[in-house]
Amino acid sequence: MARNPKAYPKVMISSESGRPMTRGEKLVTFKIQGRPYSYKQPGWWCSLTDPDDTEGQLVDGDNQIAEMARRTAKALAQGEKVFVPVVIRAIRQRCGLTQREAGLLFGGGEKSFEKYESGEITPSAPTKRLLRLAMERPDLFRPGDRQGGVSAGDDSAFVHEALRAAEVEGLYEPLFAELP
């Protein structure tokens, strides 16, 4: 059920028709490139079940939900299957990052996530790989869990293990002699 953001009354009267409206989620369908897309739109509706009765009123964050649904449907219509605006926002929020922080951490600049989430641009292949990792391991990307933009931890062990795994530790270990 849609949340009641400002403790509104159970019923409101439509200023358009005078009919009673109740708060809830209504399945809304729209078309992009001739293909229908549906999502649940929170708002005040005269009918929550009749798809032909579209009289209602959106308040507070309801319009943002509608806009995100359109941006996401547009990305789906253009062939993107996974990293659509709403998924990118969900991953960023799961990591506890602002758009600016995510842009700086993932690369692409301060405004990159604003553009990804608006559907203006799509992330690069390397950014998509980082987004997938962030979804699987958000702890690696949360503020306060990083040092210098990279997850904090035992840097010495990480460096030495990386060199050993690549079988080049004999050549490059002296460069890291000062790491504990």
N, C-alpha and C. Protein backbone atom coordinates (compact mmCIF):
# COMPACT_ATOMS: atom_id res chain seq x y z
N MET A 1 0.84 -1.18 0.00
CA MET A 1 0.00 0.00 0.00
C MET A 1 0.88 1.24 0.00
N ALA A 2 0.48 2.26 -0.71
CA ALA A 2 1.24 3.50 -0.77
C ALA A 2 1.26 4.17 0.59
N ARG A 3 2.40 4.72 0.92
CA ARG A 3 2.48 5.38 2.22
C ARG A 3 1.70 6.69 2.17
N ASN A 4 1.30 7.14 3.32
CA ASN A 4 0.54 8.38 3.45
C ASN A 4 1.52 9.42 3.97
N PRO A 5 2.23 10.12 3.05
CA PRO A 5 3.38 10.92 3.43
C PRO A 5 3.13 12.02 4.45
N LYS A 6 1.97 12.61 4.47
CA LYS A 6 1.74 13.73 5.39
C LYS A 6 0.52 13.50 6.25
N ALA A 7 0.24 12.27 6.57
CA ALA A 7 -0.92 11.94 7.41
C ALA A 7 -2.19 12.58 6.87
N TYR A 8 -2.39 12.45 5.58
CA TYR A 8 -3.60 12.96 4.95
C TYR A 8 -4.81 12.19 5.48
N PRO A 9 -6.01 12.75 5.29
CA PRO A 9 -7.22 12.02 5.69
C PRO A 9 -7.39 10.77 4.83
N LYS A 10 -8.26 9.88 5.23
CA LYS A 10 -8.48 8.64 4.47
C LYS A 10 -9.10 8.90 3.11
N VAL A 11 -9.89 9.96 3.00
CA VAL A 11 -10.57 10.28 1.75
C VAL A 11 -10.40 11.77 1.46
N MET A 12 -10.11 12.09 0.20
CA MET A 12 -10.06 13.48 -0.25
C MET A 12 -11.10 13.63 -1.37
N ILE A 13 -11.56 14.83 -1.57
CA ILE A 13 -12.52 15.10 -2.64
C ILE A 13 -11.76 15.68 -3.83
N SER A 14 -12.03 15.14 -5.00
CA SER A 14 -11.40 15.61 -6.22
C SER A 14 -11.87 17.03 -6.54
N SER A 15 -10.92 17.92 -6.77
CA SER A 15 -11.29 19.28 -7.15
C SER A 15 -11.79 19.32 -8.59
N GLU A 16 -11.49 18.28 -9.34
CA GLU A 16 -11.90 18.19 -10.75
C GLU A 16 -13.36 17.78 -10.89
N SER A 17 -13.77 16.74 -10.16
CA SER A 17 -15.12 16.20 -10.35
C SER A 17 -15.97 16.18 -9.08
N GLY A 18 -15.34 16.39 -7.94
CA GLY A 18 -16.07 16.30 -6.69
C GLY A 18 -16.22 14.89 -6.16
N ARG A 19 -15.64 13.91 -6.86
CA ARG A 19 -15.70 12.51 -6.45
C ARG A 19 -14.71 12.26 -5.31
N PRO A 20 -14.99 11.27 -4.47
CA PRO A 20 -14.04 10.93 -3.41
C PRO A 20 -12.82 10.20 -3.99
N MET A 21 -11.65 10.49 -3.42
CA MET A 21 -10.41 9.84 -3.82
C MET A 21 -9.78 9.21 -2.58
N THR A 22 -9.20 8.02 -2.77
CA THR A 22 -8.48 7.36 -1.68
C THR A 22 -7.02 7.22 -2.07
N ARG A 23 -6.18 7.18 -1.06
CA ARG A 23 -4.74 7.04 -1.28
C ARG A 23 -4.43 5.58 -1.53
N GLY A 24 -3.63 5.33 -2.55
CA GLY A 24 -3.23 3.96 -2.84
C GLY A 24 -2.35 3.90 -4.07
N GLU A 25 -2.05 2.70 -4.50
CA GLU A 25 -1.24 2.47 -5.69
C GLU A 25 -2.13 1.95 -6.80
N LYS A 26 -2.00 2.57 -7.96
CA LYS A 26 -2.81 2.19 -9.11
C LYS A 26 -1.87 1.73 -10.22
N LEU A 27 -2.22 0.63 -10.86
CA LEU A 27 -1.44 0.16 -11.98
C LEU A 27 -1.65 1.12 -13.14
N VAL A 28 -0.59 1.77 -13.57
CA VAL A 28 -0.64 2.75 -14.65
C VAL A 28 0.16 2.20 -15.81
N THR A 29 -0.38 2.34 -17.01
CA THR A 29 0.30 1.87 -18.22
C THR A 29 0.46 3.03 -19.18
N PHE A 30 1.63 3.12 -19.79
CA PHE A 30 1.87 4.10 -20.83
C PHE A 30 2.70 3.43 -21.92
N LYS A 31 2.79 4.06 -23.08
CA LYS A 31 3.51 3.46 -24.20
C LYS A 31 4.74 4.29 -24.56
N ILE A 32 5.79 3.58 -24.89
CA ILE A 32 7.00 4.17 -25.45
C ILE A 32 7.35 3.33 -26.66
N GLN A 33 7.52 3.99 -27.79
CA GLN A 33 7.80 3.32 -29.06
C GLN A 33 6.78 2.22 -29.33
N GLY A 34 5.53 2.49 -28.98
CA GLY A 34 4.45 1.56 -29.25
C GLY A 34 4.34 0.39 -28.29
N ARG A 35 5.25 0.28 -27.35
CA ARG A 35 5.24 -0.84 -26.41
C ARG A 35 4.69 -0.38 -25.06
N PRO A 36 3.78 -1.13 -24.46
CA PRO A 36 3.23 -0.72 -23.16
C PRO A 36 4.17 -1.05 -22.00
N TYR A 37 4.21 -0.14 -21.06
CA TYR A 37 4.98 -0.31 -19.83
C TYR A 37 4.05 0.01 -18.67
N SER A 38 4.06 -0.82 -17.64
CA SER A 38 3.18 -0.62 -16.48
C SER A 38 4.01 -0.55 -15.20
N TYR A 39 3.51 0.20 -14.26
CA TYR A 39 4.11 0.30 -12.94
C TYR A 39 3.02 0.71 -11.96
N LYS A 40 3.30 0.62 -10.68
CA LYS A 40 2.34 1.00 -9.66
C LYS A 40 2.61 2.44 -9.23
N GLN A 41 1.63 3.31 -9.47
CA GLN A 41 1.76 4.73 -9.17
C GLN A 41 1.03 5.08 -7.89
N PRO A 42 1.77 5.49 -6.84
CA PRO A 42 1.09 5.96 -5.64
C PRO A 42 0.44 7.31 -5.91
N GLY A 43 -0.66 7.55 -5.25
CA GLY A 43 -1.36 8.82 -5.38
C GLY A 43 -2.75 8.73 -4.81
N TRP A 44 -3.53 9.76 -5.06
CA TRP A 44 -4.94 9.80 -4.68
C TRP A 44 -5.73 9.47 -5.92
N TRP A 45 -6.58 8.44 -5.84
CA TRP A 45 -7.30 7.96 -7.02
C TRP A 45 -8.79 7.83 -6.72
N CYS A 46 -9.60 8.16 -7.74
CA CYS A 46 -11.04 7.93 -7.61
C CYS A 46 -11.34 6.45 -7.66
N SER A 47 -10.56 5.71 -8.44
CA SER A 47 -10.69 4.25 -8.49
C SER A 47 -9.30 3.64 -8.55
N LEU A 48 -9.03 2.73 -7.64
CA LEU A 48 -7.74 2.04 -7.64
C LEU A 48 -7.74 0.83 -8.56
N THR A 49 -8.93 0.39 -8.98
CA THR A 49 -9.02 -0.86 -9.75
C THR A 49 -9.44 -0.68 -11.20
N ASP A 50 -10.16 0.37 -11.54
CA ASP A 50 -10.65 0.58 -12.91
C ASP A 50 -9.54 1.23 -13.75
N PRO A 51 -8.94 0.49 -14.70
CA PRO A 51 -7.84 1.05 -15.48
C PRO A 51 -8.28 2.21 -16.38
N ASP A 52 -9.57 2.30 -16.69
CA ASP A 52 -10.05 3.39 -17.54
C ASP A 52 -10.33 4.67 -16.76
N ASP A 53 -10.42 4.57 -15.44
CA ASP A 53 -10.67 5.75 -14.61
C ASP A 53 -9.31 6.28 -14.16
N THR A 54 -8.84 7.31 -14.84
CA THR A 54 -7.51 7.86 -14.55
C THR A 54 -7.56 9.12 -13.71
N GLU A 55 -8.74 9.46 -13.19
CA GLU A 55 -8.82 10.67 -12.39
C GLU A 55 -8.13 10.45 -11.05
N GLY A 56 -7.22 11.35 -10.76
CA GLY A 56 -6.48 11.25 -9.51
C GLY A 56 -5.60 12.46 -9.31
N GLN A 57 -4.86 12.42 -8.25
CA GLN A 57 -3.97 13.53 -7.93
C GLN A 57 -2.69 12.96 -7.34
N LEU A 58 -1.55 13.45 -7.85
CA LEU A 58 -0.25 13.05 -7.34
C LEU A 58 0.26 14.15 -6.43
N VAL A 59 0.81 13.76 -5.29
CA VAL A 59 1.33 14.72 -4.31
C VAL A 59 2.72 14.27 -3.86
N ASP A 60 3.43 15.20 -3.25
CA ASP A 60 4.73 14.93 -2.66
C ASP A 60 5.64 14.21 -3.66
N GLY A 61 6.16 13.04 -3.31
CA GLY A 61 7.09 12.32 -4.17
C GLY A 61 6.43 11.51 -5.28
N ASP A 62 5.11 11.57 -5.40
CA ASP A 62 4.41 10.78 -6.42
C ASP A 62 4.89 11.11 -7.83
N ASN A 63 5.11 12.41 -8.10
CA ASN A 63 5.57 12.82 -9.43
C ASN A 63 6.97 12.30 -9.74
N GLN A 64 7.81 12.22 -8.72
CA GLN A 64 9.16 11.69 -8.92
C GLN A 64 9.10 10.20 -9.29
N ILE A 65 8.18 9.49 -8.70
CA ILE A 65 8.01 8.07 -9.03
C ILE A 65 7.55 7.93 -10.47
N ALA A 66 6.63 8.76 -10.89
CA ALA A 66 6.14 8.73 -12.27
C ALA A 66 7.27 9.04 -13.25
N GLU A 67 8.08 10.04 -12.94
CA GLU A 67 9.18 10.43 -13.83
C GLU A 67 10.23 9.32 -13.90
N MET A 68 10.54 8.70 -12.77
CA MET A 68 11.53 7.60 -12.78
C MET A 68 11.01 6.42 -13.58
N ALA A 69 9.72 6.14 -13.50
CA ALA A 69 9.13 5.05 -14.28
C ALA A 69 9.28 5.34 -15.78
N ARG A 70 9.07 6.57 -16.18
CA ARG A 70 9.20 6.93 -17.60
C ARG A 70 10.65 6.83 -18.07
N ARG A 71 11.58 7.32 -17.25
CA ARG A 71 13.00 7.24 -17.62
C ARG A 71 13.44 5.79 -17.74
N THR A 72 12.99 4.96 -16.81
CA THR A 72 13.36 3.55 -16.82
C THR A 72 12.75 2.84 -18.02
N ALA A 73 11.50 3.11 -18.32
CA ALA A 73 10.85 2.50 -19.48
C ALA A 73 11.55 2.91 -20.77
N LYS A 74 11.97 4.16 -20.84
CA LYS A 74 12.70 4.63 -22.03
C LYS A 74 14.00 3.85 -22.22
N ALA A 75 14.73 3.63 -21.13
CA ALA A 75 15.98 2.85 -21.20
C ALA A 75 15.69 1.42 -21.61
N LEU A 76 14.61 0.83 -21.08
CA LEU A 76 14.23 -0.53 -21.48
C LEU A 76 13.88 -0.57 -22.97
N ALA A 77 13.17 0.44 -23.44
CA ALA A 77 12.78 0.50 -24.86
C ALA A 77 14.01 0.64 -25.76
N GLN A 78 15.07 1.25 -25.23
CA GLN A 78 16.30 1.42 -26.01
C GLN A 78 17.21 0.20 -25.93
N GLY A 79 16.77 -0.83 -25.21
CA GLY A 79 17.52 -2.08 -25.19
C GLY A 79 18.32 -2.37 -23.94
N GLU A 80 18.40 -1.43 -23.02
CA GLU A 80 19.10 -1.71 -21.77
C GLU A 80 18.24 -2.65 -20.94
N LYS A 81 18.82 -3.70 -20.42
CA LYS A 81 18.04 -4.71 -19.68
C LYS A 81 18.28 -4.68 -18.19
N VAL A 82 19.44 -4.20 -17.74
CA VAL A 82 19.77 -4.27 -16.32
C VAL A 82 20.00 -2.89 -15.72
N PHE A 83 20.91 -2.12 -16.28
CA PHE A 83 21.34 -0.87 -15.66
C PHE A 83 20.51 0.31 -16.15
N VAL A 84 19.24 0.25 -15.80
CA VAL A 84 18.28 1.30 -16.10
C VAL A 84 18.28 2.29 -14.93
N PRO A 85 17.75 3.51 -15.12
CA PRO A 85 17.85 4.53 -14.07
C PRO A 85 17.41 4.08 -12.67
N VAL A 86 16.30 3.39 -12.54
CA VAL A 86 15.82 3.03 -11.21
C VAL A 86 16.75 2.01 -10.54
N VAL A 87 17.37 1.13 -11.30
CA VAL A 87 18.30 0.14 -10.73
C VAL A 87 19.60 0.83 -10.31
N ILE A 88 20.07 1.76 -11.13
CA ILE A 88 21.28 2.51 -10.78
C ILE A 88 21.06 3.29 -9.49
N ARG A 89 19.92 3.95 -9.36
CA ARG A 89 19.62 4.69 -8.14
C ARG A 89 19.54 3.74 -6.95
N ALA A 90 18.91 2.59 -7.12
CA ALA A 90 18.76 1.63 -6.02
C ALA A 90 20.13 1.14 -5.54
N ILE A 91 21.03 0.87 -6.47
CA ILE A 91 22.38 0.42 -6.10
C ILE A 91 23.11 1.54 -5.35
N ARG A 92 23.04 2.75 -5.88
CA ARG A 92 23.71 3.88 -5.23
C ARG A 92 23.17 4.08 -3.81
N GLN A 93 21.86 4.02 -3.66
CA GLN A 93 21.26 4.20 -2.34
C GLN A 93 21.62 3.05 -1.41
N ARG A 94 21.70 1.84 -1.94
CA ARG A 94 22.08 0.69 -1.11
C ARG A 94 23.48 0.87 -0.54
N CYS A 95 24.33 1.54 -1.30
CA CYS A 95 25.69 1.81 -0.84
C CYS A 95 25.75 3.02 0.08
N GLY A 96 24.64 3.75 0.20
CA GLY A 96 24.60 4.91 1.08
C GLY A 96 25.33 6.11 0.52
N LEU A 97 25.36 6.23 -0.81
CA LEU A 97 26.10 7.30 -1.46
C LEU A 97 25.18 8.37 -2.04
N THR A 98 25.64 9.61 -2.03
CA THR A 98 24.96 10.65 -2.78
C THR A 98 25.34 10.49 -4.25
N GLN A 99 24.65 11.18 -5.13
CA GLN A 99 25.02 11.11 -6.55
C GLN A 99 26.46 11.59 -6.75
N ARG A 100 26.82 12.66 -6.08
CA ARG A 100 28.18 13.22 -6.21
C ARG A 100 29.22 12.22 -5.72
N GLU A 101 28.99 11.63 -4.54
CA GLU A 101 29.94 10.65 -3.99
C GLU A 101 30.09 9.46 -4.93
N ALA A 102 28.98 8.98 -5.47
CA ALA A 102 29.04 7.83 -6.38
C ALA A 102 29.83 8.17 -7.64
N GLY A 103 29.62 9.37 -8.17
CA GLY A 103 30.34 9.78 -9.37
C GLY A 103 31.84 9.84 -9.14
N LEU A 104 32.23 10.35 -7.98
CA LEU A 104 33.66 10.43 -7.67
C LEU A 104 34.24 9.05 -7.38
N LEU A 105 33.50 8.21 -6.69
CA LEU A 105 33.98 6.88 -6.32
C LEU A 105 34.07 5.95 -7.53
N PHE A 106 33.03 5.93 -8.36
CA PHE A 106 32.98 5.03 -9.50
C PHE A 106 33.72 5.59 -10.71
N GLY A 107 34.02 6.87 -10.69
CA GLY A 107 34.62 7.53 -11.84
C GLY A 107 33.51 8.12 -12.71
N GLY A 108 33.89 8.95 -13.61
CA GLY A 108 32.91 9.56 -14.49
C GLY A 108 32.59 10.99 -14.10
N GLY A 109 32.98 11.39 -12.91
CA GLY A 109 32.80 12.77 -12.50
C GLY A 109 31.63 12.99 -11.56
N GLU A 110 31.59 14.19 -11.01
CA GLU A 110 30.60 14.54 -9.99
C GLU A 110 29.17 14.43 -10.47
N LYS A 111 28.91 14.67 -11.75
CA LYS A 111 27.54 14.70 -12.27
C LYS A 111 27.13 13.41 -12.98
N SER A 112 28.02 12.43 -13.03
CA SER A 112 27.73 11.22 -13.82
C SER A 112 26.48 10.48 -13.32
N PHE A 113 26.32 10.33 -12.00
CA PHE A 113 25.17 9.57 -11.51
C PHE A 113 23.87 10.35 -11.69
N GLU A 114 23.96 11.65 -11.65
CA GLU A 114 22.78 12.46 -11.96
C GLU A 114 22.33 12.16 -13.39
N LYS A 115 23.28 12.04 -14.29
CA LYS A 115 22.98 11.75 -15.70
C LYS A 115 22.53 10.30 -15.90
N TYR A 116 23.13 9.35 -15.19
CA TYR A 116 22.69 7.95 -15.29
C TYR A 116 21.26 7.80 -14.81
N GLU A 117 20.95 8.43 -13.66
CA GLU A 117 19.63 8.28 -13.05
C GLU A 117 18.56 9.07 -13.78
N SER A 118 18.97 10.07 -14.57
CA SER A 118 17.99 10.81 -15.37
C SER A 118 17.78 10.15 -16.72
N GLY A 119 18.61 9.17 -17.04
CA GLY A 119 18.52 8.50 -18.33
C GLY A 119 19.20 9.27 -19.45
N GLU A 120 19.89 10.36 -19.10
CA GLU A 120 20.57 11.19 -20.10
C GLU A 120 21.70 10.42 -20.77
N ILE A 121 22.46 9.66 -19.98
CA ILE A 121 23.53 8.82 -20.51
C ILE A 121 23.47 7.46 -19.83
N THR A 122 24.14 6.48 -20.43
CA THR A 122 24.22 5.16 -19.81
C THR A 122 25.66 4.94 -19.32
N PRO A 123 25.81 4.17 -18.28
CA PRO A 123 27.16 3.92 -17.76
C PRO A 123 28.00 3.11 -18.76
N SER A 124 29.30 3.31 -18.66
CA SER A 124 30.24 2.55 -19.48
C SER A 124 30.28 1.10 -19.00
N ALA A 125 30.86 0.23 -19.79
CA ALA A 125 30.97 -1.18 -19.41
C ALA A 125 31.74 -1.35 -18.09
N PRO A 126 32.89 -0.65 -17.89
CA PRO A 126 33.57 -0.79 -16.60
C PRO A 126 32.72 -0.30 -15.43
N THR A 127 31.98 0.78 -15.62
CA THR A 127 31.11 1.28 -14.55
C THR A 127 30.01 0.28 -14.25
N LYS A 128 29.48 -0.37 -15.28
CA LYS A 128 28.45 -1.40 -15.06
C LYS A 128 29.01 -2.55 -14.24
N ARG A 129 30.27 -2.91 -14.49
CA ARG A 129 30.88 -3.99 -13.69
C ARG A 129 31.02 -3.55 -12.23
N LEU A 130 31.40 -2.29 -12.01
CA LEU A 130 31.49 -1.79 -10.64
C LEU A 130 30.11 -1.73 -9.99
N LEU A 131 29.10 -1.34 -10.75
CA LEU A 131 27.73 -1.30 -10.21
C LEU A 131 27.28 -2.70 -9.79
N ARG A 132 27.60 -3.70 -10.60
CA ARG A 132 27.23 -5.07 -10.25
C ARG A 132 27.95 -5.49 -8.96
N LEU A 133 29.22 -5.16 -8.86
CA LEU A 133 29.97 -5.46 -7.64
C LEU A 133 29.38 -4.71 -6.45
N ALA A 134 29.00 -3.45 -6.66
CA ALA A 134 28.41 -2.66 -5.57
C ALA A 134 27.10 -3.26 -5.11
N MET A 135 26.34 -3.84 -6.01
CA MET A 135 25.08 -4.48 -5.62
C MET A 135 25.35 -5.73 -4.79
N GLU A 136 26.36 -6.48 -5.20
CA GLU A 136 26.69 -7.72 -4.50
C GLU A 136 27.44 -7.46 -3.19
N ARG A 137 28.24 -6.40 -3.16
CA ARG A 137 29.06 -6.09 -1.98
C ARG A 137 29.01 -4.60 -1.65
N PRO A 138 27.85 -4.10 -1.24
CA PRO A 138 27.74 -2.66 -0.97
C PRO A 138 28.68 -2.19 0.14
N ASP A 139 29.09 -3.11 1.00
CA ASP A 139 30.00 -2.74 2.09
C ASP A 139 31.32 -2.19 1.58
N LEU A 140 31.72 -2.57 0.36
CA LEU A 140 32.97 -2.08 -0.21
C LEU A 140 32.87 -0.62 -0.65
N PHE A 141 31.66 -0.11 -0.77
CA PHE A 141 31.46 1.21 -1.34
C PHE A 141 30.85 2.22 -0.37
N ARG A 142 30.48 1.79 0.81
CA ARG A 142 29.81 2.69 1.76
C ARG A 142 30.77 3.75 2.28
N PRO A 143 30.26 4.97 2.49
CA PRO A 143 31.12 6.01 3.08
C PRO A 143 31.63 5.55 4.45
N GLY A 144 32.85 5.91 4.75
CA GLY A 144 33.42 5.53 6.03
C GLY A 144 34.09 4.17 6.00
N ASP A 145 33.77 3.36 4.99
CA ASP A 145 34.39 2.05 4.85
C ASP A 145 35.56 2.10 3.88
N ARG A 146 35.84 3.28 3.37
CA ARG A 146 36.87 3.42 2.34
C ARG A 146 38.01 4.29 2.87
N GLN A 147 39.14 4.12 2.23
CA GLN A 147 40.29 4.95 2.52
C GLN A 147 40.85 5.38 1.18
N GLY A 148 40.81 6.66 0.88
CA GLY A 148 41.33 7.14 -0.40
C GLY A 148 40.55 6.61 -1.59
N GLY A 149 39.27 6.37 -1.44
CA GLY A 149 38.45 5.93 -2.56
C GLY A 149 38.46 4.43 -2.77
N VAL A 150 39.24 3.70 -1.98
CA VAL A 150 39.29 2.25 -2.11
C VAL A 150 38.97 1.66 -0.75
N SER A 151 38.36 0.48 -0.73
CA SER A 151 37.97 -0.08 0.56
C SER A 151 39.18 -0.20 1.48
N ALA A 152 38.98 0.15 2.72
CA ALA A 152 40.05 0.07 3.70
C ALA A 152 40.29 -1.39 4.05
N GLY A 153 41.47 -1.68 4.48
CA GLY A 153 41.79 -3.04 4.86
C GLY A 153 43.29 -3.17 5.01
N ASP A 154 43.76 -4.37 4.96
CA ASP A 154 45.19 -4.62 5.08
C ASP A 154 45.82 -4.41 3.70
N ASP A 155 46.30 -3.19 3.45
CA ASP A 155 46.87 -2.86 2.14
C ASP A 155 48.09 -3.70 1.82
N SER A 156 48.91 -3.95 2.82
CA SER A 156 50.13 -4.73 2.61
C SER A 156 49.80 -6.13 2.12
N ALA A 157 48.89 -6.79 2.82
CA ALA A 157 48.50 -8.15 2.43
C ALA A 157 47.90 -8.15 1.03
N PHE A 158 47.09 -7.15 0.72
CA PHE A 158 46.47 -7.04 -0.60
C PHE A 158 47.54 -6.93 -1.69
N VAL A 159 48.49 -6.03 -1.50
CA VAL A 159 49.55 -5.81 -2.49
C VAL A 159 50.38 -7.07 -2.68
N HIS A 160 50.80 -7.66 -1.57
CA HIS A 160 51.65 -8.85 -1.66
C HIS A 160 50.90 -10.02 -2.31
N GLU A 161 49.64 -10.19 -1.98
CA GLU A 161 48.86 -11.27 -2.58
C GLU A 161 48.67 -11.03 -4.09
N ALA A 162 48.43 -9.79 -4.48
CA ALA A 162 48.27 -9.48 -5.90
C ALA A 162 49.55 -9.79 -6.67
N LEU A 163 50.68 -9.44 -6.11
CA LEU A 163 51.96 -9.72 -6.77
C LEU A 163 52.23 -11.22 -6.83
N ARG A 164 51.92 -11.92 -5.73
CA ARG A 164 52.11 -13.38 -5.73
C ARG A 164 51.20 -14.05 -6.76
N ALA A 165 49.94 -13.61 -6.83
CA ALA A 165 48.98 -14.21 -7.77
C ALA A 165 49.43 -14.01 -9.21
N ALA A 166 50.08 -12.90 -9.48
CA ALA A 166 50.56 -12.64 -10.84
C ALA A 166 51.95 -13.21 -11.07
N GLU A 167 52.49 -13.84 -10.04
CA GLU A 167 53.82 -14.46 -10.09
C GLU A 167 54.91 -13.45 -10.45
N VAL A 168 54.79 -12.25 -9.90
CA VAL A 168 55.80 -11.22 -10.14
C VAL A 168 56.34 -10.66 -8.82
N GLU A 169 56.05 -11.37 -7.71
CA GLU A 169 56.45 -10.84 -6.42
C GLU A 169 57.96 -10.66 -6.32
N GLY A 170 58.74 -11.56 -6.91
CA GLY A 170 60.20 -11.46 -6.84
C GLY A 170 60.71 -10.18 -7.49
N LEU A 171 60.05 -9.75 -8.54
CA LEU A 171 60.49 -8.56 -9.26
C LEU A 171 60.08 -7.26 -8.55
N TYR A 172 58.89 -7.24 -8.02
CA TYR A 172 58.34 -5.97 -7.55
C TYR A 172 58.23 -5.83 -6.04
N GLU A 173 58.43 -6.90 -5.29
CA GLU A 173 58.33 -6.82 -3.83
C GLU A 173 59.20 -5.69 -3.25
N PRO A 174 60.42 -5.47 -3.77
CA PRO A 174 61.25 -4.40 -3.17
C PRO A 174 60.61 -3.02 -3.24
N LEU A 175 59.77 -2.79 -4.24
CA LEU A 175 59.10 -1.49 -4.32
C LEU A 175 58.19 -1.24 -3.13
N PHE A 176 57.72 -2.31 -2.52
CA PHE A 176 56.74 -2.21 -1.42
C PHE A 176 57.36 -2.57 -0.08
N ALA A 177 58.67 -2.47 0.01
CA ALA A 177 59.38 -2.86 1.22
C ALA A 177 58.91 -2.08 2.46
N GLU A 178 58.45 -0.86 2.27
CA GLU A 178 58.03 -0.05 3.41
C GLU A 178 56.63 -0.38 3.90
N LEU A 179 55.87 -1.15 3.14
CA LEU A 179 54.55 -1.58 3.63
C LEU A 179 54.77 -2.64 4.69
N PRO A 180 54.02 -2.59 5.77
CA PRO A 180 54.21 -3.60 6.83
C PRO A 180 53.87 -4.99 6.35
